């Protein structure tokens, strides 16, 4: 009877971990602390006006990031 109960618990746990638990986004850093890294949220300052802009929206020119074409020209 106990063997059947343990087997049932093992099957339920396996189904939970396979289908319902989401993978972790945490990565181990060099210092041993866990860090959550999401590349879409990285912000960089504009070289001209200093406004922070998302890296995916920034304009890269001569190794510097700009928030708009006006700041790039100015």
PDB file of N, CA and C in Angstrom:
ATOM      1  N   UNK A   1       0.820  -1.196   0.000  1.00  0.00           N
ATOM      2  CA  UNK A   1       0.000   0.000   0.000  1.00  0.00           C
ATOM      3  C   UNK A   1       0.867   1.266   0.000  1.00  0.00           C
ATOM      4  N   UNK A   2       1.922   1.262   0.807  1.00  0.00           N
ATOM      5  CA  UNK A   2       2.807   2.414   0.885  1.00  0.00           C
ATOM      6  C   UNK A   2       3.574   2.576  -0.422  1.00  0.00           C
ATOM      7  N   UNK A   3       3.949   1.463  -1.035  1.00  0.00           N
ATOM      8  CA  UNK A   3       4.658   1.518  -2.313  1.00  0.00           C
ATOM      9  C   UNK A   3       3.797   2.165  -3.396  1.00  0.00           C
ATOM     10  N   UNK A   4       2.515   1.857  -3.416  1.00  0.00           N
ATOM     11  CA  UNK A   4       1.601   2.457  -4.379  1.00  0.00           C
ATOM     12  C   UNK A   4       1.471   3.966  -4.132  1.00  0.00           C
ATOM     13  N   UNK A   5       1.421   4.376  -2.879  1.00  0.00           N
ATOM     14  CA  UNK A   5       1.310   5.792  -2.530  1.00  0.00           C
ATOM     15  C   UNK A   5       2.573   6.551  -2.948  1.00  0.00           C
ATOM     16  N   UNK A   6       3.741   5.974  -2.698  1.00  0.00           N
ATOM     17  CA  UNK A   6       4.992   6.605  -3.102  1.00  0.00           C
ATOM     18  C   UNK A   6       5.106   6.702  -4.619  1.00  0.00           C
ATOM     19  N   UNK A   7       4.664   5.674  -5.319  1.00  0.00           N
ATOM     20  CA  UNK A   7       4.675   5.681  -6.773  1.00  0.00           C
ATOM     21  C   UNK A   7       3.741   6.762  -7.323  1.00  0.00           C
ATOM     22  N   UNK A   8       2.576   6.912  -6.716  1.00  0.00           N
ATOM     23  CA  UNK A   8       1.625   7.944  -7.131  1.00  0.00           C
ATOM     24  C   UNK A   8       2.211   9.338  -6.909  1.00  0.00           C
ATOM     25  N   UNK A   9       2.861   9.552  -5.779  1.00  0.00           N
ATOM     26  CA  UNK A   9       3.489  10.850  -5.500  1.00  0.00           C
ATOM     27  C   UNK A   9       4.600  11.134  -6.507  1.00  0.00           C
ATOM     28  N   UNK A  10       5.382  10.123  -6.850  1.00  0.00           N
ATOM     29  CA  UNK A  10       6.465  10.296  -7.818  1.00  0.00           C
ATOM     30  C   UNK A  10       5.916  10.647  -9.197  1.00  0.00           C
ATOM     31  N   UNK A  11       4.833  10.028  -9.606  1.00  0.00           N
ATOM     32  CA  UNK A  11       4.235  10.314 -10.909  1.00  0.00           C
ATOM     33  C   UNK A  11       3.670  11.727 -10.941  1.00  0.00           C
ATOM     34  N   UNK A  12       2.995  12.137  -9.869  1.00  0.00           N
ATOM     35  CA  UNK A  12       2.442  13.492  -9.806  1.00  0.00           C
ATOM     36  C   UNK A  12       3.569  14.527  -9.841  1.00  0.00           C
ATOM     37  N   UNK A  13       4.649  14.284  -9.106  1.00  0.00           N
ATOM     38  CA  UNK A  13       5.781  15.201  -9.105  1.00  0.00           C
ATOM     39  C   UNK A  13       6.427  15.274 -10.491  1.00  0.00           C
ATOM     40  N   UNK A  14       6.564  14.160 -11.164  1.00  0.00           N
ATOM     41  CA  UNK A  14       7.162  14.146 -12.496  1.00  0.00           C
ATOM     42  C   UNK A  14       6.304  14.925 -13.485  1.00  0.00           C
ATOM     43  N   UNK A  15       4.994  14.754 -13.426  1.00  0.00           N
ATOM     44  CA  UNK A  15       4.094  15.490 -14.313  1.00  0.00           C
ATOM     45  C   UNK A  15       4.187  16.983 -14.034  1.00  0.00           C
ATOM     46  N   UNK A  16       4.257  17.365 -12.761  1.00  0.00           N
ATOM     47  CA  UNK A  16       4.370  18.781 -12.393  1.00  0.00           C
ATOM     48  C   UNK A  16       5.654  19.384 -12.960  1.00  0.00           C
ATOM     49  N   UNK A  17       6.791  18.733 -12.743  1.00  0.00           N
ATOM     50  CA  UNK A  17       8.056  19.289 -13.192  1.00  0.00           C
ATOM     51  C   UNK A  17       8.188  19.286 -14.714  1.00  0.00           C
ATOM     52  N   UNK A  18       7.587  18.342 -15.390  1.00  0.00           N
ATOM     53  CA  UNK A  18       7.695  18.282 -16.844  1.00  0.00           C
ATOM     54  C   UNK A  18       6.781  19.279 -17.554  1.00  0.00           C
ATOM     55  N   UNK A  19       5.576  19.508 -17.023  1.00  0.00           N
ATOM     56  CA  UNK A  19       4.598  20.289 -17.762  1.00  0.00           C
ATOM     57  C   UNK A  19       4.253  21.641 -17.161  1.00  0.00           C
ATOM     58  N   UNK A  20       4.391  21.817 -15.856  1.00  0.00           N
ATOM     59  CA  UNK A  20       3.897  23.034 -15.234  1.00  0.00           C
ATOM     60  C   UNK A  20       4.986  23.963 -14.717  1.00  0.00           C
ATOM     61  N   UNK A  21       6.120  23.483 -14.372  1.00  0.00           N
ATOM     62  CA  UNK A  21       7.179  24.334 -13.848  1.00  0.00           C
ATOM     63  C   UNK A  21       7.916  24.998 -14.999  1.00  0.00           C
ATOM     64  N   UNK A  22       8.033  26.338 -14.939  1.00  0.00           N
ATOM     65  CA  UNK A  22       8.704  27.093 -15.985  1.00  0.00           C
ATOM     66  C   UNK A  22      10.201  27.101 -15.729  1.00  0.00           C
ATOM     67  N   UNK A  23      11.008  27.112 -16.785  1.00  0.00           N
ATOM     68  CA  UNK A  23      12.464  27.136 -16.590  1.00  0.00           C
ATOM     69  C   UNK A  23      12.900  28.458 -15.985  1.00  0.00           C
ATOM     70  N   UNK A  24      13.914  28.405 -15.182  1.00  0.00           N
ATOM     71  CA  UNK A  24      14.437  29.578 -14.502  1.00  0.00           C
ATOM     72  C   UNK A  24      15.301  30.399 -15.443  1.00  0.00           C
ATOM     73  N   UNK A  25      15.236  31.734 -15.316  1.00  0.00           N
ATOM     74  CA  UNK A  25      16.051  32.623 -16.119  1.00  0.00           C
ATOM     75  C   UNK A  25      17.316  33.044 -15.382  1.00  0.00           C
ATOM     76  N   UNK A  26      17.523  32.520 -14.202  1.00  0.00           N
ATOM     77  CA  UNK A  26      18.661  32.928 -13.397  1.00  0.00           C
ATOM     78  C   UNK A  26      19.934  32.277 -13.902  1.00  0.00           C
ATOM     79  N   UNK A  27      21.009  33.044 -13.859  1.00  0.00           N
ATOM     80  CA  UNK A  27      22.317  32.551 -14.252  1.00  0.00           C
ATOM     81  C   UNK A  27      23.280  32.808 -13.111  1.00  0.00           C
ATOM     82  N   UNK A  28      24.254  31.960 -12.977  1.00  0.00           N
ATOM     83  CA  UNK A  28      25.264  32.142 -11.944  1.00  0.00           C
ATOM     84  C   UNK A  28      26.294  33.155 -12.413  1.00  0.00           C
ATOM     85  N   UNK A  29      26.582  34.144 -11.565  1.00  0.00           N
ATOM     86  CA  UNK A  29      27.623  35.126 -11.861  1.00  0.00           C
ATOM     87  C   UNK A  29      28.964  34.633 -11.362  1.00  0.00           C
ATOM     88  N   UNK A  30      30.005  35.399 -11.597  1.00  0.00           N
ATOM     89  CA  UNK A  30      31.345  35.024 -11.158  1.00  0.00           C
ATOM     90  C   UNK A  30      31.457  35.033  -9.637  1.00  0.00           C
ATOM     91  N   UNK A  31      30.659  35.881  -8.969  1.00  0.00           N
ATOM     92  CA  UNK A  31      30.761  35.992  -7.518  1.00  0.00           C
ATOM     93  C   UNK A  31      29.931  34.941  -6.790  1.00  0.00           C
ATOM     94  N   UNK A  32      29.222  34.102  -7.501  1.00  0.00           N
ATOM     95  CA  UNK A  32      28.432  33.057  -6.883  1.00  0.00           C
ATOM     96  C   UNK A  32      26.993  33.471  -6.626  1.00  0.00           C
ATOM     97  N   UNK A  33      26.685  34.749  -6.801  1.00  0.00           N
ATOM     98  CA  UNK A  33      25.312  35.206  -6.618  1.00  0.00           C
ATOM     99  C   UNK A  33      24.505  34.888  -7.869  1.00  0.00           C
ATOM    100  N   UNK A  34      23.192  34.714  -7.694  1.00  0.00           N
ATOM    101  CA  UNK A  34      22.350  34.491  -8.860  1.00  0.00           C
ATOM    102  C   UNK A  34      21.884  35.831  -9.386  1.00  0.00           C
ATOM    103  N   UNK A  35      21.927  35.981 -10.691  1.00  0.00           N
ATOM    104  CA  UNK A  35      21.519  37.211 -11.336  1.00  0.00           C
ATOM    105  C   UNK A  35      20.482  36.894 -12.403  1.00  0.00           C
ATOM    106  N   UNK A  36      19.457  37.741 -12.505  1.00  0.00           N
ATOM    107  CA  UNK A  36      18.463  37.584 -13.552  1.00  0.00           C
ATOM    108  C   UNK A  36      18.886  38.495 -14.692  1.00  0.00           C
ATOM    109  N   UNK A  37      19.094  37.911 -15.852  1.00  0.00           N
ATOM    110  CA  UNK A  37      19.578  38.670 -16.999  1.00  0.00           C
ATOM    111  C   UNK A  37      18.525  38.631 -18.093  1.00  0.00           C
ATOM    112  N   UNK A  38      18.012  39.783 -18.435  1.00  0.00           N
ATOM    113  CA  UNK A  38      17.060  39.892 -19.526  1.00  0.00           C
ATOM    114  C   UNK A  38      17.610  40.905 -20.509  1.00  0.00           C
ATOM    115  N   UNK A  39      18.033  40.456 -21.664  1.00  0.00           N
ATOM    116  CA  UNK A  39      18.714  41.301 -22.620  1.00  0.00           C
ATOM    117  C   UNK A  39      17.833  42.430 -23.160  1.00  0.00           C
ATOM    118  N   UNK A  40      16.524  42.257 -23.184  1.00  0.00           N
ATOM    119  CA  UNK A  40      15.631  43.271 -23.719  1.00  0.00           C
ATOM    120  C   UNK A  40      15.491  44.484 -22.833  1.00  0.00           C
ATOM    121  N   UNK A  41      15.930  44.415 -21.576  1.00  0.00           N
ATOM    122  CA  UNK A  41      15.758  45.515 -20.640  1.00  0.00           C
ATOM    123  C   UNK A  41      17.018  46.342 -20.445  1.00  0.00           C
ATOM    124  N   UNK A  42      18.068  46.118 -21.200  1.00  0.00           N
ATOM    125  CA  UNK A  42      19.306  46.856 -21.010  1.00  0.00           C
ATOM    126  C   UNK A  42      19.164  48.270 -21.562  1.00  0.00           C
ATOM    127  N   UNK A  43      19.549  49.253 -20.746  1.00  0.00           N
ATOM    128  CA  UNK A  43      19.447  50.661 -21.117  1.00  0.00           C
ATOM    129  C   UNK A  43      20.843  51.251 -21.238  1.00  0.00           C
ATOM    130  N   UNK A  44      21.016  52.162 -22.199  1.00  0.00           N
ATOM    131  CA  UNK A  44      22.289  52.835 -22.407  1.00  0.00           C
ATOM    132  C   UNK A  44      22.037  54.343 -22.492  1.00  0.00           C
ATOM    133  N   UNK A  45      22.990  55.156 -22.026  1.00  0.00           N
ATOM    134  CA  UNK A  45      22.798  56.611 -22.113  1.00  0.00           C
ATOM    135  C   UNK A  45      23.151  57.141 -23.500  1.00  0.00           C
ATOM    136  N   UNK A  46      22.435  58.166 -23.924  1.00  0.00           N
ATOM    137  CA  UNK A  46      22.724  58.838 -25.182  1.00  0.00           C
ATOM    138  C   UNK A  46      24.018  59.624 -25.004  1.00  0.00           C
ATOM    139  N   UNK A  47      24.915  59.559 -25.985  1.00  0.00           N
ATOM    140  CA  UNK A  47      26.196  60.262 -25.906  1.00  0.00           C
ATOM    141  C   UNK A  47      26.018  61.774 -26.001  1.00  0.00           C
ATOM    142  N   UNK A  48      24.903  62.237 -26.566  1.00  0.00           N
ATOM    143  CA  UNK A  48      24.692  63.666 -26.752  1.00  0.00           C
ATOM    144  C   UNK A  48      23.917  64.305 -25.592  1.00  0.00           C
ATOM    145  N   UNK A  49      22.738  63.766 -25.278  1.00  0.00           N
ATOM    146  CA  UNK A  49      21.887  64.407 -24.271  1.00  0.00           C
ATOM    147  C   UNK A  49      21.851  63.668 -22.938  1.00  0.00           C
ATOM    148  N   UNK A  50      22.345  62.436 -22.876  1.00  0.00           N
ATOM    149  CA  UNK A  50      22.394  61.692 -21.624  1.00  0.00           C
ATOM    150  C   UNK A  50      21.127  60.939 -21.281  1.00  0.00           C
ATOM    151  N   UNK A  51      20.108  61.018 -22.124  1.00  0.00           N
ATOM    152  CA  UNK A  51      18.863  60.292 -21.881  1.00  0.00           C
ATOM    153  C   UNK A  51      19.092  58.800 -22.056  1.00  0.00           C
ATOM    154  N   UNK A  52      18.547  58.000 -21.142  1.00  0.00           N
ATOM    155  CA  UNK A  52      18.686  56.550 -21.265  1.00  0.00           C
ATOM    156  C   UNK A  52      17.657  56.024 -22.251  1.00  0.00           C
ATOM    157  N   UNK A  53      18.119  55.137 -23.101  1.00  0.00           N
ATOM    158  CA  UNK A  53      17.275  54.550 -24.143  1.00  0.00           C
ATOM    159  C   UNK A  53      17.532  53.041 -24.160  1.00  0.00           C
ATOM    160  N   UNK A  54      16.505  52.269 -24.527  1.00  0.00           N
ATOM    161  CA  UNK A  54      16.664  50.816 -24.613  1.00  0.00           C
ATOM    162  C   UNK A  54      17.710  50.484 -25.670  1.00  0.00           C
ATOM    163  N   UNK A  55      18.536  49.507 -25.378  1.00  0.00           N
ATOM    164  CA  UNK A  55      19.624  49.141 -26.282  1.00  0.00           C
ATOM    165  C   UNK A  55      19.106  48.760 -27.659  1.00  0.00           C
ATOM    166  N   UNK A  56      17.953  48.110 -27.713  1.00  0.00           N
ATOM    167  CA  UNK A  56      17.410  47.695 -29.012  1.00  0.00           C
ATOM    168  C   UNK A  56      16.886  48.881 -29.821  1.00  0.00           C
ATOM    169  N   UNK A  57      16.589  50.028 -29.174  1.00  0.00           N
ATOM    170  CA  UNK A  57      16.103  51.213 -29.881  1.00  0.00           C
ATOM    171  C   UNK A  57      17.197  52.239 -30.141  1.00  0.00           C
ATOM    172  N   UNK A  58      18.365  52.067 -29.549  1.00  0.00           N
ATOM    173  CA  UNK A  58      19.439  53.042 -29.674  1.00  0.00           C
ATOM    174  C   UNK A  58      20.092  52.973 -31.051  1.00  0.00           C
ATOM    175  N   UNK A  59      20.662  54.123 -31.458  1.00  0.00           N
ATOM    176  CA  UNK A  59      21.390  54.218 -32.719  1.00  0.00           C
ATOM    177  C   UNK A  59      22.873  54.170 -32.382  1.00  0.00           C
ATOM    178  N   UNK A  60      23.596  53.228 -32.955  1.00  0.00           N
ATOM    179  CA  UNK A  60      25.016  53.065 -32.699  1.00  0.00           C
ATOM    180  C   UNK A  60      25.812  53.720 -33.829  1.00  0.00           C
ATOM    181  N   UNK A  61      26.690  54.661 -33.457  1.00  0.00           N
ATOM    182  CA  UNK A  61      27.528  55.329 -34.446  1.00  0.00           C
ATOM    183  C   UNK A  61      28.887  55.620 -33.817  1.00  0.00           C
ATOM    184  N   UNK A  62      29.952  55.153 -34.456  1.00  0.00           N
ATOM    185  CA  UNK A  62      31.324  55.355 -33.981  1.00  0.00           C
ATOM    186  C   UNK A  62      31.516  54.888 -32.544  1.00  0.00           C
ATOM    187  N   UNK A  63      30.877  53.800 -32.185  1.00  0.00           N
ATOM    188  CA  UNK A  63      31.046  53.225 -30.854  1.00  0.00           C
ATOM    189  C   UNK A  63      30.251  53.917 -29.762  1.00  0.00           C
ATOM    190  N   UNK A  64      29.379  54.857 -30.119  1.00  0.00           N
ATOM    191  CA  UNK A  64      28.560  55.576 -29.140  1.00  0.00           C
ATOM    192  C   UNK A  64      27.090  55.360 -29.467  1.00  0.00           C
ATOM    193  N   UNK A  65      26.261  55.376 -28.418  1.00  0.00           N
ATOM    194  CA  UNK A  65      24.824  55.186 -28.590  1.00  0.00           C
ATOM    195  C   UNK A  65      24.113  56.534 -28.541  1.00  0.00           C
ATOM    196  N   UNK A  66      23.119  56.694 -29.430  1.00  0.00           N
ATOM    197  CA  UNK A  66      22.324  57.920 -29.483  1.00  0.00           C
ATOM    198  C   UNK A  66      20.846  57.557 -29.404  1.00  0.00           C
ATOM    199  N   UNK A  67      20.043  58.470 -28.820  1.00  0.00           N
ATOM    200  CA  UNK A  67      18.619  58.181 -28.635  1.00  0.00           C
ATOM    201  C   UNK A  67      17.796  58.497 -29.880  1.00  0.00           C
ATOM    202  N   UNK A  68      18.271  59.432 -30.723  1.00  0.00           N
ATOM    203  CA  UNK A  68      17.510  59.800 -31.914  1.00  0.00           C
ATOM    204  C   UNK A  68      18.472  60.297 -32.991  1.00  0.00           C
ATOM    205  N   UNK A  69      17.932  60.491 -34.181  1.00  0.00           N
ATOM    206  CA  UNK A  69      18.770  60.987 -35.277  1.00  0.00           C
ATOM    207  C   UNK A  69      19.142  62.465 -35.057  1.00  0.00           C
ATOM    208  N   UNK A  70      18.301  63.214 -34.317  1.00  0.00           N
ATOM    209  CA  UNK A  70      18.628  64.602 -34.005  1.00  0.00           C
ATOM    210  C   UNK A  70      19.872  64.684 -33.117  1.00  0.00           C
ATOM    211  N   UNK A  71      19.966  63.806 -32.123  1.00  0.00           N
ATOM    212  CA  UNK A  71      21.143  63.788 -31.254  1.00  0.00           C
ATOM    213  C   UNK A  71      22.363  63.297 -32.026  1.00  0.00           C
ATOM    214  N   UNK A  72      22.164  62.429 -32.977  1.00  0.00           N
ATOM    215  CA  UNK A  72      23.274  61.921 -33.792  1.00  0.00           C
ATOM    216  C   UNK A  72      23.853  63.042 -34.650  1.00  0.00           C
ATOM    217  N   UNK A  73      22.979  63.889 -35.221  1.00  0.00           N
ATOM    218  CA  UNK A  73      23.428  64.980 -36.071  1.00  0.00           C
ATOM    219  C   UNK A  73      24.032  66.127 -35.263  1.00  0.00           C
ATOM    220  N   UNK A  74      23.479  66.339 -34.055  1.00  0.00           N
ATOM    221  CA  UNK A  74      23.894  67.501 -33.235  1.00  0.00           C
ATOM    222  C   UNK A  74      25.095  67.242 -32.501  1.00  0.00           C
TER     223      UNK A  74
END
